[in-house]
């Protein structure tokens, strides 16, 4: 089956791509070279092993029909055995995502995929890390690739947080995002609402939650550079007349604001606040 596969990645416009269908077989010819099933590769129990020569990949040439994608999703293992070519662990039955070589992805996440919503590639291949999807013409496109050491970890942390706040330990003082909550959580790169970090050994310990959407007209954004905010408190900079308590219902600000500048350099009322508890949204 032949269909039209379109997409952009991270704001980069792409040209129209046309793919032909592929037929499952022990040996497949995709790209310049061949892919063969390799049962000796160590793959997740949901996946099957392949070895490919040349530029061939097991996930090339997905079928697209009336906006519905049927393809294969693979984790690139690289040259495990250079004598035999490149190795992949792939889904063994058709899934609602397909490889899209036209996506302009960064080198750290070199493989582009397009999916029929609400699917995403790492729904089918748990070993394949993917970034936040971008909706394009009824599809969702993703950049996926080898796992890199995450800045933050939600497992085994020594941070103690109030109930309903998520403890995260980070290598740098960079505010964690939703994608760092864990594999069973959102893969979004939207920033979490986090307190001023405390040092845990050489790591930065945060207590975070996913805030409800800020009220229309709200001007208060988290600002961890508010002077005098101790670790464990929440700093905010408000450029308008509203307060953090009005914009974030579970936040309380016992002290009066001080006039200063936000981290972006705007005149603002600066607050040092605390978390009241309740459903934090994570």
C-alpha atoms as a PDB file:
ATOM      1  CA  UNK A   1       0.000   0.000   0.000  1.00  0.00           C
ATOM      2  CA  UNK A   2       1.302   3.447  -0.833  1.00  0.00           C
ATOM      3  CA  UNK A   3       0.430   6.572   1.146  1.00  0.00           C
ATOM      4  CA  UNK A   4       1.537  10.064   1.981  1.00  0.00           C
ATOM      5  CA  UNK A   5       3.586  10.630   5.121  1.00  0.00           C
ATOM      6  CA  UNK A   6       4.086  14.223   6.192  1.00  0.00           C
ATOM      7  CA  UNK A   7       5.699  15.773   9.222  1.00  0.00           C
ATOM      8  CA  UNK A   8       7.859  18.408  10.852  1.00  0.00           C
ATOM      9  CA  UNK A   9      10.059  18.040  13.877  1.00  0.00           C
ATOM     10  CA  UNK A  10      10.720  20.806  16.374  1.00  0.00           C
ATOM     11  CA  UNK A  11       9.479  23.507  14.049  1.00  0.00           C
ATOM     12  CA  UNK A  12      11.473  22.426  10.992  1.00  0.00           C
ATOM     13  CA  UNK A  13       9.384  22.228   7.809  1.00  0.00           C
ATOM     14  CA  UNK A  14       9.758  19.028   5.844  1.00  0.00           C
ATOM     15  CA  UNK A  15       9.086  18.005   2.314  1.00  0.00           C
ATOM     16  CA  UNK A  16       6.398  15.496   1.363  1.00  0.00           C
ATOM     17  CA  UNK A  17       7.472  11.872   1.744  1.00  0.00           C
ATOM     18  CA  UNK A  18       5.915   8.897  -0.008  1.00  0.00           C
ATOM     19  CA  UNK A  19       6.395   5.367   1.273  1.00  0.00           C
ATOM     20  CA  UNK A  20       5.577   1.985  -0.152  1.00  0.00           C
ATOM     21  CA  UNK A  21       4.244  -0.855   1.949  1.00  0.00           C
ATOM     22  CA  UNK A  22       6.442  -3.681   3.172  1.00  0.00           C
ATOM     23  CA  UNK A  23       5.841  -7.379   3.547  1.00  0.00           C
ATOM     24  CA  UNK A  24       7.029  -9.235   6.628  1.00  0.00           C
ATOM     25  CA  UNK A  25       9.655 -11.838   5.775  1.00  0.00           C
ATOM     26  CA  UNK A  26      12.699 -13.502   7.266  1.00  0.00           C
ATOM     27  CA  UNK A  27      14.843 -11.434   4.912  1.00  0.00           C
ATOM     28  CA  UNK A  28      13.751  -7.954   3.856  1.00  0.00           C
ATOM     29  CA  UNK A  29      15.264  -5.473   1.445  1.00  0.00           C
ATOM     30  CA  UNK A  30      14.812  -1.941   2.783  1.00  0.00           C
ATOM     31  CA  UNK A  31      17.151   0.871   1.836  1.00  0.00           C
ATOM     32  CA  UNK A  32      20.498  -0.126   0.387  1.00  0.00           C
ATOM     33  CA  UNK A  33      21.157  -3.507   1.973  1.00  0.00           C
ATOM     34  CA  UNK A  34      19.213  -6.225   3.737  1.00  0.00           C
ATOM     35  CA  UNK A  35      17.762  -6.928   7.192  1.00  0.00           C
ATOM     36  CA  UNK A  36      17.486 -10.398   8.633  1.00  0.00           C
ATOM     37  CA  UNK A  37      15.942 -11.703  11.830  1.00  0.00           C
ATOM     38  CA  UNK A  38      18.602 -12.398  14.461  1.00  0.00           C
ATOM     39  CA  UNK A  39      17.293 -14.423  17.384  1.00  0.00           C
ATOM     40  CA  UNK A  40      20.670 -14.212  19.131  1.00  0.00           C
ATOM     41  CA  UNK A  41      20.249 -10.527  19.982  1.00  0.00           C
ATOM     42  CA  UNK A  42      19.203  -9.718  23.540  1.00  0.00           C
ATOM     43  CA  UNK A  43      15.989  -7.707  23.181  1.00  0.00           C
ATOM     44  CA  UNK A  44      13.048  -6.814  25.365  1.00  0.00           C
ATOM     45  CA  UNK A  45      10.542  -9.687  25.404  1.00  0.00           C
ATOM     46  CA  UNK A  46       8.138  -7.495  23.369  1.00  0.00           C
ATOM     47  CA  UNK A  47      10.694  -7.041  20.587  1.00  0.00           C
ATOM     48  CA  UNK A  48      12.553  -9.098  17.995  1.00  0.00           C
ATOM     49  CA  UNK A  49      16.184  -8.845  16.889  1.00  0.00           C
ATOM     50  CA  UNK A  50      17.389  -7.850  13.418  1.00  0.00           C
ATOM     51  CA  UNK A  51      20.766  -7.418  11.776  1.00  0.00           C
ATOM     52  CA  UNK A  52      21.043  -5.092   8.770  1.00  0.00           C
ATOM     53  CA  UNK A  53      23.657  -4.288   6.174  1.00  0.00           C
ATOM     54  CA  UNK A  54      24.255  -1.008   4.343  1.00  0.00           C
ATOM     55  CA  UNK A  55      21.671   1.689   5.024  1.00  0.00           C
ATOM     56  CA  UNK A  56      18.781  -0.742   5.478  1.00  0.00           C
ATOM     57  CA  UNK A  57      16.619  -0.547   8.602  1.00  0.00           C
ATOM     58  CA  UNK A  58      13.885  -2.975   9.700  1.00  0.00           C
ATOM     59  CA  UNK A  59      11.449  -0.103  10.273  1.00  0.00           C
ATOM     60  CA  UNK A  60      11.650   1.518   6.846  1.00  0.00           C
ATOM     61  CA  UNK A  61       8.681   1.831   4.483  1.00  0.00           C
ATOM     62  CA  UNK A  62       5.639   1.933   6.779  1.00  0.00           C
ATOM     63  CA  UNK A  63       2.214   1.627   5.187  1.00  0.00           C
ATOM     64  CA  UNK A  64       0.005   4.735   5.294  1.00  0.00           C
ATOM     65  CA  UNK A  65      -3.658   4.753   4.313  1.00  0.00           C
ATOM     66  CA  UNK A  66      -6.189   7.537   4.968  1.00  0.00           C
ATOM     67  CA  UNK A  67      -4.060   8.935   7.785  1.00  0.00           C
ATOM     68  CA  UNK A  68      -3.616   5.562   9.513  1.00  0.00           C
ATOM     69  CA  UNK A  69       0.002   4.450   9.933  1.00  0.00           C
ATOM     70  CA  UNK A  70       1.118   0.822  10.177  1.00  0.00           C
ATOM     71  CA  UNK A  71       4.815   0.352  10.687  1.00  0.00           C
ATOM     72  CA  UNK A  72       7.623  -0.962  12.843  1.00  0.00           C
ATOM     73  CA  UNK A  73       9.433   0.762  15.707  1.00  0.00           C
ATOM     74  CA  UNK A  74      13.073  -0.089  16.485  1.00  0.00           C
ATOM     75  CA  UNK A  75      15.785   0.596  19.010  1.00  0.00           C
ATOM     76  CA  UNK A  76      19.088   1.040  17.166  1.00  0.00           C
ATOM     77  CA  UNK A  77      21.717  -1.047  18.973  1.00  0.00           C
ATOM     78  CA  UNK A  78      24.506   0.080  16.648  1.00  0.00           C
ATOM     79  CA  UNK A  79      27.290  -2.195  15.505  1.00  0.00           C
ATOM     80  CA  UNK A  80      27.104  -4.938  18.125  1.00  0.00           C
ATOM     81  CA  UNK A  81      28.857  -7.266  15.694  1.00  0.00           C
ATOM     82  CA  UNK A  82      30.658  -5.208  13.040  1.00  0.00           C
ATOM     83  CA  UNK A  83      31.223  -8.296  10.913  1.00  0.00           C
ATOM     84  CA  UNK A  84      27.481  -8.695  10.409  1.00  0.00           C
ATOM     85  CA  UNK A  85      26.270  -5.084  10.272  1.00  0.00           C
ATOM     86  CA  UNK A  86      24.002  -2.964  12.443  1.00  0.00           C
ATOM     87  CA  UNK A  87      21.633  -4.452  14.993  1.00  0.00           C
ATOM     88  CA  UNK A  88      18.108  -3.476  15.968  1.00  0.00           C
ATOM     89  CA  UNK A  89      15.433  -4.577  18.425  1.00  0.00           C
ATOM     90  CA  UNK A  90      12.016  -4.007  16.835  1.00  0.00           C
ATOM     91  CA  UNK A  91       8.320  -4.538  17.298  1.00  0.00           C
ATOM     92  CA  UNK A  92       7.254  -7.832  15.756  1.00  0.00           C
ATOM     93  CA  UNK A  93       3.721  -6.869  14.665  1.00  0.00           C
ATOM     94  CA  UNK A  94       2.522  -3.706  12.860  1.00  0.00           C
ATOM     95  CA  UNK A  95       2.008  -0.702  15.135  1.00  0.00           C
ATOM     96  CA  UNK A  96       0.487   2.742  14.686  1.00  0.00           C
ATOM     97  CA  UNK A  97       3.881   4.436  14.191  1.00  0.00           C
ATOM     98  CA  UNK A  98       6.307   4.507  11.278  1.00  0.00           C
ATOM     99  CA  UNK A  99       9.895   5.540  10.656  1.00  0.00           C
ATOM    100  CA  UNK A 100      10.147   8.948   8.954  1.00  0.00           C
ATOM    101  CA  UNK A 101      13.702   9.698   7.722  1.00  0.00           C
ATOM    102  CA  UNK A 102      12.634  13.166   6.587  1.00  0.00           C
ATOM    103  CA  UNK A 103      12.251  14.485  10.134  1.00  0.00           C
ATOM    104  CA  UNK A 104      14.992  16.912  11.142  1.00  0.00           C
ATOM    105  CA  UNK A 105      16.046  15.474  14.499  1.00  0.00           C
ATOM    106  CA  UNK A 106      19.075  16.402  16.636  1.00  0.00           C
ATOM    107  CA  UNK A 107      22.053  14.035  16.633  1.00  0.00           C
ATOM    108  CA  UNK A 108      21.284  12.915  20.190  1.00  0.00           C
ATOM    109  CA  UNK A 109      17.891  11.558  19.073  1.00  0.00           C
ATOM    110  CA  UNK A 110      18.491  10.714  15.407  1.00  0.00           C
ATOM    111  CA  UNK A 111      15.423   8.630  14.538  1.00  0.00           C
ATOM    112  CA  UNK A 112      12.222  10.350  13.450  1.00  0.00           C
ATOM    113  CA  UNK A 113       8.827   8.651  13.733  1.00  0.00           C
ATOM    114  CA  UNK A 114       5.298   9.678  12.846  1.00  0.00           C
ATOM    115  CA  UNK A 115       2.347   8.123  14.668  1.00  0.00           C
ATOM    116  CA  UNK A 116      -1.413   7.969  14.476  1.00  0.00           C
ATOM    117  CA  UNK A 117      -2.614   9.818  17.619  1.00  0.00           C
ATOM    118  CA  UNK A 118      -2.657   9.092  20.494  1.00  0.00           C
ATOM    119  CA  UNK A 119       0.151   6.557  19.907  1.00  0.00           C
ATOM    120  CA  UNK A 120       3.831   7.318  20.431  1.00  0.00           C
ATOM    121  CA  UNK A 121       6.825   5.098  19.526  1.00  0.00           C
ATOM    122  CA  UNK A 122       7.832   4.298  23.101  1.00  0.00           C
ATOM    123  CA  UNK A 123       4.349   2.917  23.759  1.00  0.00           C
ATOM    124  CA  UNK A 124       5.406  -0.027  21.589  1.00  0.00           C
ATOM    125  CA  UNK A 125       9.174  -0.101  22.213  1.00  0.00           C
ATOM    126  CA  UNK A 126       9.809   0.598  25.922  1.00  0.00           C
ATOM    127  CA  UNK A 127      13.576   0.766  25.316  1.00  0.00           C
ATOM    128  CA  UNK A 128      13.297   3.644  22.840  1.00  0.00           C
ATOM    129  CA  UNK A 129      13.447   7.098  24.483  1.00  0.00           C
ATOM    130  CA  UNK A 130      11.453   9.743  22.617  1.00  0.00           C
ATOM    131  CA  UNK A 131      10.898  13.434  23.133  1.00  0.00           C
ATOM    132  CA  UNK A 132       7.622  15.300  23.241  1.00  0.00           C
ATOM    133  CA  UNK A 133       5.498  14.814  20.141  1.00  0.00           C
ATOM    134  CA  UNK A 134       4.559  17.586  17.735  1.00  0.00           C
ATOM    135  CA  UNK A 135       1.140  17.455  16.014  1.00  0.00           C
ATOM    136  CA  UNK A 136       1.357  17.771  12.214  1.00  0.00           C
ATOM    137  CA  UNK A 137      -1.507  17.310   9.734  1.00  0.00           C
ATOM    138  CA  UNK A 138      -3.363  14.780  11.874  1.00  0.00           C
ATOM    139  CA  UNK A 139      -0.196  12.867  12.815  1.00  0.00           C
ATOM    140  CA  UNK A 140       2.169  13.263  15.754  1.00  0.00           C
ATOM    141  CA  UNK A 141       5.895  13.292  15.007  1.00  0.00           C
ATOM    142  CA  UNK A 142       8.665  12.363  17.424  1.00  0.00           C
ATOM    143  CA  UNK A 143      12.450  12.422  17.627  1.00  0.00           C
ATOM    144  CA  UNK A 144      13.755   9.269  19.290  1.00  0.00           C
ATOM    145  CA  UNK A 145      17.166   7.831  19.929  1.00  0.00           C
ATOM    146  CA  UNK A 146      19.694   6.336  22.306  1.00  0.00           C
ATOM    147  CA  UNK A 147      19.056   6.995  25.956  1.00  0.00           C
ATOM    148  CA  UNK A 148      21.280   9.621  27.513  1.00  0.00           C
ATOM    149  CA  UNK A 149      21.908  10.031  31.222  1.00  0.00           C
ATOM    150  CA  UNK A 150      18.920  12.047  32.476  1.00  0.00           C
ATOM    151  CA  UNK A 151      19.571  15.176  34.487  1.00  0.00           C
ATOM    152  CA  UNK A 152      16.996  14.144  37.100  1.00  0.00           C
ATOM    153  CA  UNK A 153      15.911  10.873  38.667  1.00  0.00           C
ATOM    154  CA  UNK A 154      12.681  10.119  40.503  1.00  0.00           C
ATOM    155  CA  UNK A 155      13.834   6.728  41.782  1.00  0.00           C
ATOM    156  CA  UNK A 156      15.978   6.026  44.823  1.00  0.00           C
ATOM    157  CA  UNK A 157      16.054   9.675  45.783  1.00  0.00           C
ATOM    158  CA  UNK A 158      17.058  10.802  49.277  1.00  0.00           C
ATOM    159  CA  UNK A 159      14.774  13.845  49.057  1.00  0.00           C
ATOM    160  CA  UNK A 160      11.830  13.947  51.479  1.00  0.00           C
ATOM    161  CA  UNK A 161       8.794  15.847  50.176  1.00  0.00           C
ATOM    162  CA  UNK A 162       5.330  16.714  51.514  1.00  0.00           C
ATOM    163  CA  UNK A 163       2.489  14.422  50.490  1.00  0.00           C
ATOM    164  CA  UNK A 164       1.554  14.611  46.790  1.00  0.00           C
ATOM    165  CA  UNK A 165       4.812  16.280  45.765  1.00  0.00           C
ATOM    166  CA  UNK A 166       7.248  14.289  43.627  1.00  0.00           C
ATOM    167  CA  UNK A 167      10.830  13.965  44.869  1.00  0.00           C
ATOM    168  CA  UNK A 168      13.485  14.420  42.184  1.00  0.00           C
ATOM    169  CA  UNK A 169      17.257  14.375  42.447  1.00  0.00           C
ATOM    170  CA  UNK A 170      19.099  16.285  39.710  1.00  0.00           C
ATOM    171  CA  UNK A 171      22.717  16.567  38.664  1.00  0.00           C
ATOM    172  CA  UNK A 172      22.364  20.293  37.915  1.00  0.00           C
ATOM    173  CA  UNK A 173      20.197  23.127  39.264  1.00  0.00           C
ATOM    174  CA  UNK A 174      17.929  22.948  36.218  1.00  0.00           C
ATOM    175  CA  UNK A 175      14.207  22.887  36.997  1.00  0.00           C
ATOM    176  CA  UNK A 176      12.920  19.373  36.147  1.00  0.00           C
ATOM    177  CA  UNK A 177      10.332  18.812  33.433  1.00  0.00           C
ATOM    178  CA  UNK A 178       7.413  16.406  33.141  1.00  0.00           C
ATOM    179  CA  UNK A 179       9.487  13.947  31.125  1.00  0.00           C
ATOM    180  CA  UNK A 180      11.664  13.342  34.192  1.00  0.00           C
ATOM    181  CA  UNK A 181       8.815  12.060  36.347  1.00  0.00           C
ATOM    182  CA  UNK A 182       9.443   8.490  35.137  1.00  0.00           C
ATOM    183  CA  UNK A 183       8.559   6.139  32.279  1.00  0.00           C
ATOM    184  CA  UNK A 184       5.000   5.753  33.547  1.00  0.00           C
ATOM    185  CA  UNK A 185       4.443   9.496  33.505  1.00  0.00           C
ATOM    186  CA  UNK A 186       4.223  12.217  30.868  1.00  0.00           C
ATOM    187  CA  UNK A 187       7.044  12.531  28.311  1.00  0.00           C
ATOM    188  CA  UNK A 188       6.324  16.250  27.984  1.00  0.00           C
ATOM    189  CA  UNK A 189       9.212  18.691  28.321  1.00  0.00           C
ATOM    190  CA  UNK A 190       6.941  21.196  30.078  1.00  0.00           C
ATOM    191  CA  UNK A 191       8.576  22.548  33.237  1.00  0.00           C
ATOM    192  CA  UNK A 192       7.280  21.326  36.588  1.00  0.00           C
ATOM    193  CA  UNK A 193       6.522  23.638  39.491  1.00  0.00           C
ATOM    194  CA  UNK A 194       9.358  22.961  41.923  1.00  0.00           C
ATOM    195  CA  UNK A 195      10.663  24.357  45.173  1.00  0.00           C
ATOM    196  CA  UNK A 196      14.087  25.909  45.667  1.00  0.00           C
ATOM    197  CA  UNK A 197      16.408  22.879  45.668  1.00  0.00           C
ATOM    198  CA  UNK A 198      18.349  21.595  48.635  1.00  0.00           C
ATOM    199  CA  UNK A 199      21.708  19.876  48.307  1.00  0.00           C
ATOM    200  CA  UNK A 200      21.659  16.097  48.704  1.00  0.00           C
ATOM    201  CA  UNK A 201      25.298  15.134  48.601  1.00  0.00           C
ATOM    202  CA  UNK A 202      26.406  16.542  45.249  1.00  0.00           C
ATOM    203  CA  UNK A 203      22.894  16.505  43.800  1.00  0.00           C
ATOM    204  CA  UNK A 204      20.074  19.054  43.796  1.00  0.00           C
ATOM    205  CA  UNK A 205      16.927  17.810  45.504  1.00  0.00           C
ATOM    206  CA  UNK A 206      13.539  19.110  44.341  1.00  0.00           C
ATOM    207  CA  UNK A 207       9.930  18.643  45.414  1.00  0.00           C
ATOM    208  CA  UNK A 208       7.741  19.203  42.348  1.00  0.00           C
ATOM    209  CA  UNK A 209       4.241  18.970  40.963  1.00  0.00           C
ATOM    210  CA  UNK A 210       2.447  19.622  37.714  1.00  0.00           C
ATOM    211  CA  UNK A 211       0.481  22.837  38.280  1.00  0.00           C
ATOM    212  CA  UNK A 212      -3.020  23.345  36.996  1.00  0.00           C
ATOM    213  CA  UNK A 213      -3.103  25.668  34.017  1.00  0.00           C
ATOM    214  CA  UNK A 214      -2.511  29.229  35.157  1.00  0.00           C
ATOM    215  CA  UNK A 215      -5.641  31.370  35.243  1.00  0.00           C
ATOM    216  CA  UNK A 216      -6.349  33.560  32.216  1.00  0.00           C
ATOM    217  CA  UNK A 217      -4.511  36.822  32.777  1.00  0.00           C
ATOM    218  CA  UNK A 218      -2.249  35.334  35.452  1.00  0.00           C
ATOM    219  CA  UNK A 219       1.253  36.797  35.500  1.00  0.00           C
ATOM    220  CA  UNK A 220       2.996  34.802  38.260  1.00  0.00           C
ATOM    221  CA  UNK A 221       5.742  32.424  37.168  1.00  0.00           C
ATOM    222  CA  UNK A 222       8.077  30.379  39.323  1.00  0.00           C
ATOM    223  CA  UNK A 223      11.391  32.074  39.999  1.00  0.00           C
ATOM    224  CA  UNK A 224      13.951  30.208  42.044  1.00  0.00           C
ATOM    225  CA  UNK A 225      16.216  33.255  42.249  1.00  0.00           C
ATOM    226  CA  UNK A 226      13.922  35.225  44.581  1.00  0.00           C
ATOM    227  CA  UNK A 227      16.220  36.601  47.326  1.00  0.00           C
ATOM    228  CA  UNK A 228      15.883  34.941  50.711  1.00  0.00           C
ATOM    229  CA  UNK A 229      13.811  31.927  49.604  1.00  0.00           C
ATOM    230  CA  UNK A 230      15.225  28.938  51.529  1.00  0.00           C
ATOM    231  CA  UNK A 231      15.397  25.422  50.156  1.00  0.00           C
ATOM    232  CA  UNK A 232      11.984  23.788  50.156  1.00  0.00           C
ATOM    233  CA  UNK A 233      10.082  27.029  49.499  1.00  0.00           C
ATOM    234  CA  UNK A 234       8.574  28.166  46.189  1.00  0.00           C
ATOM    235  CA  UNK A 235       9.696  31.441  44.627  1.00  0.00           C
ATOM    236  CA  UNK A 236       7.470  33.434  42.272  1.00  0.00           C
ATOM    237  CA  UNK A 237       7.777  36.625  40.250  1.00  0.00           C
ATOM    238  CA  UNK A 238       4.511  38.374  39.345  1.00  0.00           C
ATOM    239  CA  UNK A 239       4.595  41.133  36.734  1.00  0.00           C
ATOM    240  CA  UNK A 240       0.916  42.033  37.246  1.00  0.00           C
ATOM    241  CA  UNK A 241      -1.398  42.707  40.206  1.00  0.00           C
ATOM    242  CA  UNK A 242      -2.231  39.028  40.828  1.00  0.00           C
ATOM    243  CA  UNK A 243      -0.546  36.867  43.467  1.00  0.00           C
ATOM    244  CA  UNK A 244       0.767  33.278  43.346  1.00  0.00           C
ATOM    245  CA  UNK A 245      -2.105  32.212  45.613  1.00  0.00           C
ATOM    246  CA  UNK A 246      -4.584  33.400  42.997  1.00  0.00           C
ATOM    247  CA  UNK A 247      -2.774  31.662  40.132  1.00  0.00           C
ATOM    248  CA  UNK A 248      -1.838  28.429  41.950  1.00  0.00           C
ATOM    249  CA  UNK A 249      -4.577  27.359  44.432  1.00  0.00           C
ATOM    250  CA  UNK A 250      -2.326  25.039  46.473  1.00  0.00           C
ATOM    251  CA  UNK A 251       0.300  27.712  47.061  1.00  0.00           C
ATOM    252  CA  UNK A 252       0.361  29.977  50.154  1.00  0.00           C
ATOM    253  CA  UNK A 253       2.549  33.076  50.503  1.00  0.00           C
ATOM    254  CA  UNK A 254       2.741  34.118  54.164  1.00  0.00           C
ATOM    255  CA  UNK A 255       5.126  37.019  53.600  1.00  0.00           C
ATOM    256  CA  UNK A 256       4.516  40.283  51.774  1.00  0.00           C
ATOM    257  CA  UNK A 257       6.105  40.613  48.355  1.00  0.00           C
ATOM    258  CA  UNK A 258       9.256  42.551  47.656  1.00  0.00           C
ATOM    259  CA  UNK A 259       9.747  44.641  44.567  1.00  0.00           C
ATOM    260  CA  UNK A 260      12.472  43.475  42.241  1.00  0.00           C
ATOM    261  CA  UNK A 261      13.087  41.892  38.877  1.00  0.00           C
ATOM    262  CA  UNK A 262      12.153  38.488  37.537  1.00  0.00           C
ATOM    263  CA  UNK A 263      14.839  36.170  36.216  1.00  0.00           C
ATOM    264  CA  UNK A 264      13.919  37.447  32.739  1.00  0.00           C
ATOM    265  CA  UNK A 265      14.706  41.005  33.867  1.00  0.00           C
ATOM    266  CA  UNK A 266      11.158  42.399  34.199  1.00  0.00           C
ATOM    267  CA  UNK A 267       9.958  44.564  37.111  1.00  0.00           C
ATOM    268  CA  UNK A 268       7.944  42.246  39.344  1.00  0.00           C
ATOM    269  CA  UNK A 269       6.581  41.501  42.796  1.00  0.00           C
ATOM    270  CA  UNK A 270       8.664  38.689  44.248  1.00  0.00           C
ATOM    271  CA  UNK A 271       7.182  36.130  46.633  1.00  0.00           C
ATOM    272  CA  UNK A 272       8.511  33.306  48.781  1.00  0.00           C
ATOM    273  CA  UNK A 273       5.735  30.743  49.269  1.00  0.00           C
ATOM    274  CA  UNK A 274       4.937  27.259  50.526  1.00  0.00           C
ATOM    275  CA  UNK A 275       2.846  24.326  49.322  1.00  0.00           C
ATOM    276  CA  UNK A 276      -0.424  23.672  51.182  1.00  0.00           C
ATOM    277  CA  UNK A 277      -0.927  20.058  50.128  1.00  0.00           C
ATOM    278  CA  UNK A 278      -3.814  18.344  48.394  1.00  0.00           C
ATOM    279  CA  UNK A 279      -3.924  16.902  44.903  1.00  0.00           C
ATOM    280  CA  UNK A 280      -0.747  18.062  43.174  1.00  0.00           C
ATOM    281  CA  UNK A 281      -1.679  16.678  39.786  1.00  0.00           C
ATOM    282  CA  UNK A 282       0.952  13.942  39.551  1.00  0.00           C
END
